[in-house]
Amino acid sequence: MAKQEIKQEQMLNVGEAVSRSEEFINKNKKTIIGVVCAIVVLIAGSVLVSTLYIKPRAQKAAEALFAGERYFQNGDYETALNGDQNEYAGFEAVISEFGGTKSGKLAKAYAGLSLAKLGRYEEAIPYLKDFKGNDAMVAPSVLAALGNCYAQVGDEAQAAATLVKAARKADNNLLSPAYLVQAGQIYEKLGKKADALNVYQEVKDKYYGSTQAMDIDRYIERVK
């Protein structure tokens, strides 16, 4: 594999605050999963570093991951998961063969996100739960995708709790308020106004410089 270096960018497209309708909640379950995909693709370059500085096994894992990443970026999630019947064996094979490497660990995130994009949320959950990483953007983003998978399968209490966990793990103005607002929307749907108030107030108090904070008073008044 040729020498590669992908600059890590901290990007997130955060939508404006909208209504509390169930349609909004369902829409954002899918939107955050899509945003997470973009973040993981951008930060995957952190493991695809120069082959001059990585061990042979790690190099081989990085090469396998890179091949799958191309299918993932093109939206061919099925091939990304299972391979192309040529040289690329699929994210699941990368996990199986290189699970202990950084690339193998990142492949778990890719596999979970691929399954989520295919609408196979129950299958995605174990992969996303099993992902271990410390990157300030990827780790909380994968947690948020896990939360949205829980929401898709009807476990909305777990979804909200996981989104709150993701927000606190991220602890930044880009990711945290978006996750907290979505958690609040789900709490409202569950009739848990006190929990919704807590997360909305956290946006107001801690992330007052965020886009979501500009409209958060409306949410707070609604659940008081």
C-alpha atoms as a PDB file:
ATOM      1  CA  MET A   1       0.000   0.000   0.000  1.00  0.00           C
ATOM      2  CA  ALA A   2       1.357   3.433  -0.876  1.00  0.00           C
ATOM      3  CA  LYS A   3       2.189   5.848   1.910  1.00  0.00           C
ATOM      4  CA  GLN A   4      -1.018   7.511   3.110  1.00  0.00           C
ATOM      5  CA  GLU A   5      -1.845  10.235   5.547  1.00  0.00           C
ATOM      6  CA  ILE A   6      -5.391  11.499   6.072  1.00  0.00           C
ATOM      7  CA  LYS A   7      -5.775  14.670   8.078  1.00  0.00           C
ATOM      8  CA  GLN A   8      -8.170  14.259  10.983  1.00  0.00           C
ATOM      9  CA  GLU A   9     -10.941  16.803  10.770  1.00  0.00           C
ATOM     10  CA  GLN A  10     -13.389  17.436  13.505  1.00  0.00           C
ATOM     11  CA  MET A  11     -16.606  18.001  11.610  1.00  0.00           C
ATOM     12  CA  LEU A  12     -20.235  17.540  12.415  1.00  0.00           C
ATOM     13  CA  ASN A  13     -23.268  18.870  10.564  1.00  0.00           C
ATOM     14  CA  VAL A  14     -25.695  19.784  13.308  1.00  0.00           C
ATOM     15  CA  GLY A  15     -29.264  20.534  12.281  1.00  0.00           C
ATOM     16  CA  GLU A  16     -31.295  23.372  13.741  1.00  0.00           C
ATOM     17  CA  ALA A  17     -33.590  22.546  16.641  1.00  0.00           C
ATOM     18  CA  VAL A  18     -37.022  21.486  15.402  1.00  0.00           C
ATOM     19  CA  SER A  19     -40.321  20.196  16.730  1.00  0.00           C
ATOM     20  CA  ARG A  20     -40.817  17.397  19.249  1.00  0.00           C
ATOM     21  CA  SER A  21     -42.796  15.242  16.857  1.00  0.00           C
ATOM     22  CA  GLU A  22     -42.128  11.528  16.514  1.00  0.00           C
ATOM     23  CA  GLU A  23     -41.238  12.148  12.884  1.00  0.00           C
ATOM     24  CA  PHE A  24     -38.335  14.357  14.018  1.00  0.00           C
ATOM     25  CA  ILE A  25     -37.094  11.736  16.462  1.00  0.00           C
ATOM     26  CA  ASN A  26     -37.198   8.974  13.860  1.00  0.00           C
ATOM     27  CA  LYS A  27     -35.487  11.161  11.289  1.00  0.00           C
ATOM     28  CA  ASN A  28     -32.644  11.989  13.662  1.00  0.00           C
ATOM     29  CA  LYS A  29     -32.114   8.370  14.650  1.00  0.00           C
ATOM     30  CA  LYS A  30     -30.984   7.814  11.073  1.00  0.00           C
ATOM     31  CA  THR A  31     -29.271  11.189  10.647  1.00  0.00           C
ATOM     32  CA  ILE A  32     -26.864  10.707  13.527  1.00  0.00           C
ATOM     33  CA  ILE A  33     -25.890   7.285  12.227  1.00  0.00           C
ATOM     34  CA  GLY A  34     -25.083   8.929   8.891  1.00  0.00           C
ATOM     35  CA  VAL A  35     -23.063  11.673  10.577  1.00  0.00           C
ATOM     36  CA  VAL A  36     -21.131   9.093  12.575  1.00  0.00           C
ATOM     37  CA  CYS A  37     -20.225   7.332   9.324  1.00  0.00           C
ATOM     38  CA  ALA A  38     -18.692  10.567   8.051  1.00  0.00           C
ATOM     39  CA  ILE A  39     -16.715  11.082  11.261  1.00  0.00           C
ATOM     40  CA  VAL A  40     -15.352   7.544  11.269  1.00  0.00           C
ATOM     41  CA  VAL A  41     -14.267   7.840   7.637  1.00  0.00           C
ATOM     42  CA  LEU A  42     -12.441  11.092   8.357  1.00  0.00           C
ATOM     43  CA  ILE A  43     -10.644   9.805  11.420  1.00  0.00           C
ATOM     44  CA  ALA A  44      -9.862   6.355  10.052  1.00  0.00           C
ATOM     45  CA  GLY A  45      -6.723   7.930   8.633  1.00  0.00           C
ATOM     46  CA  SER A  46      -5.243   7.898  12.115  1.00  0.00           C
ATOM     47  CA  VAL A  47      -4.592   4.170  11.747  1.00  0.00           C
ATOM     48  CA  LEU A  48      -3.595   4.308   8.089  1.00  0.00           C
ATOM     49  CA  VAL A  49      -0.278   5.956   8.857  1.00  0.00           C
ATOM     50  CA  SER A  50       2.953   5.626   6.912  1.00  0.00           C
ATOM     51  CA  THR A  51       3.912   2.013   6.376  1.00  0.00           C
ATOM     52  CA  LEU A  52       7.442   2.979   7.374  1.00  0.00           C
ATOM     53  CA  TYR A  53       6.348   3.298  10.983  1.00  0.00           C
ATOM     54  CA  ILE A  54       4.047   0.354  11.576  1.00  0.00           C
ATOM     55  CA  LYS A  55       4.737  -3.306  12.154  1.00  0.00           C
ATOM     56  CA  PRO A  56       4.024  -5.835   9.366  1.00  0.00           C
ATOM     57  CA  ARG A  57       0.864  -7.240  10.997  1.00  0.00           C
ATOM     58  CA  ALA A  58      -0.516  -3.764  11.640  1.00  0.00           C
ATOM     59  CA  GLN A  59       0.390  -2.786   8.087  1.00  0.00           C
ATOM     60  CA  LYS A  60      -1.501  -5.748   6.667  1.00  0.00           C
ATOM     61  CA  ALA A  61      -4.512  -4.909   8.831  1.00  0.00           C
ATOM     62  CA  ALA A  62      -4.439  -1.282   7.710  1.00  0.00           C
ATOM     63  CA  GLU A  63      -4.335  -2.359   4.076  1.00  0.00           C
ATOM     64  CA  ALA A  64      -7.340  -4.644   4.587  1.00  0.00           C
ATOM     65  CA  LEU A  65      -9.261  -1.886   6.363  1.00  0.00           C
ATOM     66  CA  PHE A  66      -8.463   0.625   3.636  1.00  0.00           C
ATOM     67  CA  ALA A  67      -9.895  -1.654   0.972  1.00  0.00           C
ATOM     68  CA  GLY A  68     -13.150  -1.968   2.914  1.00  0.00           C
ATOM     69  CA  GLU A  69     -13.263   1.741   3.603  1.00  0.00           C
ATOM     70  CA  ARG A  70     -13.489   2.440  -0.123  1.00  0.00           C
ATOM     71  CA  TYR A  71     -16.626   0.304  -0.397  1.00  0.00           C
ATOM     72  CA  PHE A  72     -18.017   1.944   2.730  1.00  0.00           C
ATOM     73  CA  GLN A  73     -17.479   5.462   1.377  1.00  0.00           C
ATOM     74  CA  ASN A  74     -19.212   4.461  -1.860  1.00  0.00           C
ATOM     75  CA  GLY A  75     -22.234   3.212   0.052  1.00  0.00           C
ATOM     76  CA  ASP A  76     -21.635  -0.443  -0.823  1.00  0.00           C
ATOM     77  CA  TYR A  77     -22.159  -1.603   2.747  1.00  0.00           C
ATOM     78  CA  GLU A  78     -22.871  -5.218   1.879  1.00  0.00           C
ATOM     79  CA  THR A  79     -19.540  -5.632   0.115  1.00  0.00           C
ATOM     80  CA  ALA A  80     -17.778  -3.686   2.848  1.00  0.00           C
ATOM     81  CA  LEU A  81     -19.104  -6.210   5.354  1.00  0.00           C
ATOM     82  CA  ASN A  82     -18.684  -9.449   3.473  1.00  0.00           C
ATOM     83  CA  GLY A  83     -15.983  -8.868   0.879  1.00  0.00           C
ATOM     84  CA  ASP A  84     -15.829  -8.697  -2.899  1.00  0.00           C
ATOM     85  CA  GLN A  85     -14.946 -12.342  -3.645  1.00  0.00           C
ATOM     86  CA  ASN A  86     -11.567 -11.147  -4.869  1.00  0.00           C
ATOM     87  CA  GLU A  87      -8.809  -9.887  -2.600  1.00  0.00           C
ATOM     88  CA  TYR A  88     -10.958  -8.083  -0.029  1.00  0.00           C
ATOM     89  CA  ALA A  89     -12.547 -10.402   2.555  1.00  0.00           C
ATOM     90  CA  GLY A  90     -14.797  -7.919   4.399  1.00  0.00           C
ATOM     91  CA  PHE A  91     -14.858  -6.052   7.719  1.00  0.00           C
ATOM     92  CA  GLU A  92     -15.907  -9.197   9.556  1.00  0.00           C
ATOM     93  CA  ALA A  93     -12.796 -10.978   8.274  1.00  0.00           C
ATOM     94  CA  VAL A  94     -10.629  -8.023   9.310  1.00  0.00           C
ATOM     95  CA  ILE A  95     -12.085  -8.250  12.815  1.00  0.00           C
ATOM     96  CA  SER A  96     -11.531 -11.985  12.952  1.00  0.00           C
ATOM     97  CA  GLU A  97      -7.937 -11.878  11.725  1.00  0.00           C
ATOM     98  CA  PHE A  98      -6.721  -8.549  13.104  1.00  0.00           C
ATOM     99  CA  GLY A  99      -9.019  -7.896  16.057  1.00  0.00           C
ATOM    100  CA  GLY A 100      -6.195  -6.854  18.353  1.00  0.00           C
ATOM    101  CA  THR A 101      -4.838  -4.153  16.054  1.00  0.00           C
ATOM    102  CA  LYS A 102      -6.073  -0.589  15.777  1.00  0.00           C
ATOM    103  CA  SER A 103      -7.443  -1.355  12.328  1.00  0.00           C
ATOM    104  CA  GLY A 104      -9.216  -4.449  13.617  1.00  0.00           C
ATOM    105  CA  LYS A 105     -10.861  -2.421  16.367  1.00  0.00           C
ATOM    106  CA  LEU A 106     -11.926   0.277  13.930  1.00  0.00           C
ATOM    107  CA  ALA A 107     -13.363  -2.430  11.669  1.00  0.00           C
ATOM    108  CA  LYS A 108     -15.882  -3.165  14.443  1.00  0.00           C
ATOM    109  CA  ALA A 109     -17.163   0.380  14.181  1.00  0.00           C
ATOM    110  CA  TYR A 110     -17.336   0.104  10.403  1.00  0.00           C
ATOM    111  CA  ALA A 111     -19.153  -3.229  10.597  1.00  0.00           C
ATOM    112  CA  GLY A 112     -21.709  -1.859  13.045  1.00  0.00           C
ATOM    113  CA  LEU A 113     -22.275   1.268  10.999  1.00  0.00           C
ATOM    114  CA  SER A 114     -22.587  -0.751   7.789  1.00  0.00           C
ATOM    115  CA  LEU A 115     -25.256  -2.940   9.368  1.00  0.00           C
ATOM    116  CA  ALA A 116     -27.065   0.133  10.684  1.00  0.00           C
ATOM    117  CA  LYS A 117     -27.018   1.736   7.235  1.00  0.00           C
ATOM    118  CA  LEU A 118     -28.508  -1.495   5.867  1.00  0.00           C
ATOM    119  CA  GLY A 119     -31.299  -1.261   8.446  1.00  0.00           C
ATOM    120  CA  ARG A 120     -30.045  -4.306  10.352  1.00  0.00           C
ATOM    121  CA  TYR A 121     -30.039  -2.517  13.699  1.00  0.00           C
ATOM    122  CA  GLU A 122     -30.174  -5.536  15.989  1.00  0.00           C
ATOM    123  CA  GLU A 123     -27.143  -7.009  14.248  1.00  0.00           C
ATOM    124  CA  ALA A 124     -25.330  -3.671  14.431  1.00  0.00           C
ATOM    125  CA  ILE A 125     -25.683  -3.320  18.210  1.00  0.00           C
ATOM    126  CA  PRO A 126     -23.127  -5.993  19.270  1.00  0.00           C
ATOM    127  CA  TYR A 127     -20.457  -4.556  16.971  1.00  0.00           C
ATOM    128  CA  LEU A 128     -20.996  -1.013  18.187  1.00  0.00           C
ATOM    129  CA  LYS A 129     -21.087  -2.145  21.819  1.00  0.00           C
ATOM    130  CA  ASP A 130     -17.844  -4.058  21.365  1.00  0.00           C
ATOM    131  CA  PHE A 131     -15.962  -1.152  19.806  1.00  0.00           C
ATOM    132  CA  LYS A 132     -13.213   0.161  22.085  1.00  0.00           C
ATOM    133  CA  GLY A 133     -11.507   3.405  21.296  1.00  0.00           C
ATOM    134  CA  ASN A 134     -10.297   6.591  22.940  1.00  0.00           C
ATOM    135  CA  ASP A 135     -10.460   9.027  20.040  1.00  0.00           C
ATOM    136  CA  ALA A 136     -12.296  12.134  21.220  1.00  0.00           C
ATOM    137  CA  MET A 137     -14.550  12.145  18.164  1.00  0.00           C
ATOM    138  CA  VAL A 138     -14.914   8.511  17.082  1.00  0.00           C
ATOM    139  CA  ALA A 139     -15.567   6.891  20.477  1.00  0.00           C
ATOM    140  CA  PRO A 140     -18.518   9.119  21.485  1.00  0.00           C
ATOM    141  CA  SER A 141     -19.846   9.118  17.932  1.00  0.00           C
ATOM    142  CA  VAL A 142     -19.959   5.325  17.855  1.00  0.00           C
ATOM    143  CA  LEU A 143     -21.778   5.428  21.209  1.00  0.00           C
ATOM    144  CA  ALA A 144     -24.308   7.811  19.672  1.00  0.00           C
ATOM    145  CA  ALA A 145     -24.812   5.462  16.740  1.00  0.00           C
ATOM    146  CA  LEU A 146     -25.389   2.670  19.254  1.00  0.00           C
ATOM    147  CA  GLY A 147     -27.993   4.830  20.981  1.00  0.00           C
ATOM    148  CA  ASN A 148     -29.778   5.392  17.718  1.00  0.00           C
ATOM    149  CA  CYS A 149     -29.762   1.674  16.962  1.00  0.00           C
ATOM    150  CA  TYR A 150     -31.421   1.093  20.325  1.00  0.00           C
ATOM    151  CA  ALA A 151     -34.043   3.644  19.351  1.00  0.00           C
ATOM    152  CA  GLN A 152     -34.631   1.912  16.040  1.00  0.00           C
ATOM    153  CA  VAL A 153     -35.341  -1.410  17.752  1.00  0.00           C
ATOM    154  CA  GLY A 154     -37.727   0.219  20.234  1.00  0.00           C
ATOM    155  CA  ASP A 155     -35.492   0.348  23.320  1.00  0.00           C
ATOM    156  CA  GLU A 156     -35.871   4.083  23.735  1.00  0.00           C
ATOM    157  CA  ALA A 157     -34.928   4.221  27.420  1.00  0.00           C
ATOM    158  CA  GLN A 158     -31.572   2.628  26.600  1.00  0.00           C
ATOM    159  CA  ALA A 159     -31.285   4.870  23.552  1.00  0.00           C
ATOM    160  CA  ALA A 160     -31.618   8.043  25.611  1.00  0.00           C
ATOM    161  CA  ALA A 161     -29.212   6.818  28.293  1.00  0.00           C
ATOM    162  CA  THR A 162     -26.618   5.896  25.671  1.00  0.00           C
ATOM    163  CA  LEU A 163     -26.925   9.253  23.933  1.00  0.00           C
ATOM    164  CA  VAL A 164     -26.366  11.020  27.250  1.00  0.00           C
ATOM    165  CA  LYS A 165     -23.310   8.836  27.860  1.00  0.00           C
ATOM    166  CA  ALA A 166     -22.027   9.713  24.390  1.00  0.00           C
ATOM    167  CA  ALA A 167     -22.538  13.421  25.051  1.00  0.00           C
ATOM    168  CA  ARG A 168     -20.593  13.319  28.288  1.00  0.00           C
ATOM    169  CA  LYS A 169     -17.816  11.243  26.768  1.00  0.00           C
ATOM    170  CA  ALA A 170     -17.439  13.768  23.944  1.00  0.00           C
ATOM    171  CA  ASP A 171     -17.696  16.819  26.201  1.00  0.00           C
ATOM    172  CA  ASN A 172     -17.455  19.353  23.391  1.00  0.00           C
ATOM    173  CA  ASN A 173     -19.645  21.950  21.719  1.00  0.00           C
ATOM    174  CA  LEU A 174     -19.899  20.031  18.456  1.00  0.00           C
ATOM    175  CA  LEU A 175     -21.165  16.625  19.528  1.00  0.00           C
ATOM    176  CA  SER A 176     -22.459  16.879  23.095  1.00  0.00           C
ATOM    177  CA  PRO A 177     -25.356  19.320  22.689  1.00  0.00           C
ATOM    178  CA  ALA A 178     -26.650  17.495  19.613  1.00  0.00           C
ATOM    179  CA  TYR A 179     -26.730  14.201  21.491  1.00  0.00           C
ATOM    180  CA  LEU A 180     -28.267  15.778  24.598  1.00  0.00           C
ATOM    181  CA  VAL A 181     -31.060  17.414  22.634  1.00  0.00           C
ATOM    182  CA  GLN A 182     -31.865  14.156  20.904  1.00  0.00           C
ATOM    183  CA  ALA A 183     -31.868  12.359  24.268  1.00  0.00           C
ATOM    184  CA  GLY A 184     -34.229  15.025  25.576  1.00  0.00           C
ATOM    185  CA  GLN A 185     -36.573  14.496  22.652  1.00  0.00           C
ATOM    186  CA  ILE A 186     -36.693  10.792  23.425  1.00  0.00           C
ATOM    187  CA  TYR A 187     -37.237  11.430  27.140  1.00  0.00           C
ATOM    188  CA  GLU A 188     -40.161  13.660  26.217  1.00  0.00           C
ATOM    189  CA  LYS A 189     -41.645  10.935  24.076  1.00  0.00           C
ATOM    190  CA  LEU A 190     -41.343   8.581  27.052  1.00  0.00           C
ATOM    191  CA  GLY A 191     -43.078  11.113  29.295  1.00  0.00           C
ATOM    192  CA  LYS A 192     -39.932  11.665  31.382  1.00  0.00           C
ATOM    193  CA  LYS A 193     -40.056  15.436  31.559  1.00  0.00           C
ATOM    194  CA  ALA A 194     -37.655  15.706  34.505  1.00  0.00           C
ATOM    195  CA  ASP A 195     -34.972  13.797  32.603  1.00  0.00           C
ATOM    196  CA  ALA A 196     -35.611  15.880  29.508  1.00  0.00           C
ATOM    197  CA  LEU A 197     -35.282  19.063  31.574  1.00  0.00           C
ATOM    198  CA  ASN A 198     -31.965  17.887  33.010  1.00  0.00           C
ATOM    199  CA  VAL A 199     -30.347  17.312  29.620  1.00  0.00           C
ATOM    200  CA  TYR A 200     -31.763  20.517  28.135  1.00  0.00           C
ATOM    201  CA  GLN A 201     -30.473  22.462  31.133  1.00  0.00           C
ATOM    202  CA  GLU A 202     -27.069  20.856  30.643  1.00  0.00           C
ATOM    203  CA  VAL A 203     -26.992  22.229  27.101  1.00  0.00           C
ATOM    204  CA  LYS A 204     -27.893  25.688  28.403  1.00  0.00           C
ATOM    205  CA  ASP A 205     -25.397  25.693  31.274  1.00  0.00           C
ATOM    206  CA  LYS A 206     -22.434  23.845  29.797  1.00  0.00           C
ATOM    207  CA  TYR A 207     -22.654  24.242  26.033  1.00  0.00           C
ATOM    208  CA  TYR A 208     -24.017  27.782  25.828  1.00  0.00           C
ATOM    209  CA  GLY A 209     -21.792  28.499  22.827  1.00  0.00           C
ATOM    210  CA  SER A 210     -23.370  25.760  20.722  1.00  0.00           C
ATOM    211  CA  THR A 211     -25.960  26.019  17.969  1.00  0.00           C
ATOM    212  CA  GLN A 212     -28.464  24.059  20.059  1.00  0.00           C
ATOM    213  CA  ALA A 213     -28.142  26.475  22.997  1.00  0.00           C
ATOM    214  CA  MET A 214     -29.578  29.271  20.862  1.00  0.00           C
ATOM    215  CA  ASP A 215     -33.003  27.626  20.961  1.00  0.00           C
ATOM    216  CA  ILE A 216     -32.775  25.586  24.149  1.00  0.00           C
ATOM    217  CA  ASP A 217     -34.969  27.867  26.273  1.00  0.00           C
ATOM    218  CA  ARG A 218     -37.956  26.831  24.176  1.00  0.00           C
ATOM    219  CA  TYR A 219     -37.298  23.192  25.025  1.00  0.00           C
ATOM    220  CA  ILE A 220     -36.805  23.974  28.705  1.00  0.00           C
ATOM    221  CA  GLU A 221     -40.068  25.877  28.967  1.00  0.00           C
ATOM    222  CA  ARG A 222     -41.907  23.047  27.286  1.00  0.00           C
ATOM    223  CA  VAL A 223     -40.946  20.472  29.915  1.00  0.00           C
ATOM    224  CA  LYS A 224     -41.151  22.594  33.056  1.00  0.00           C
END
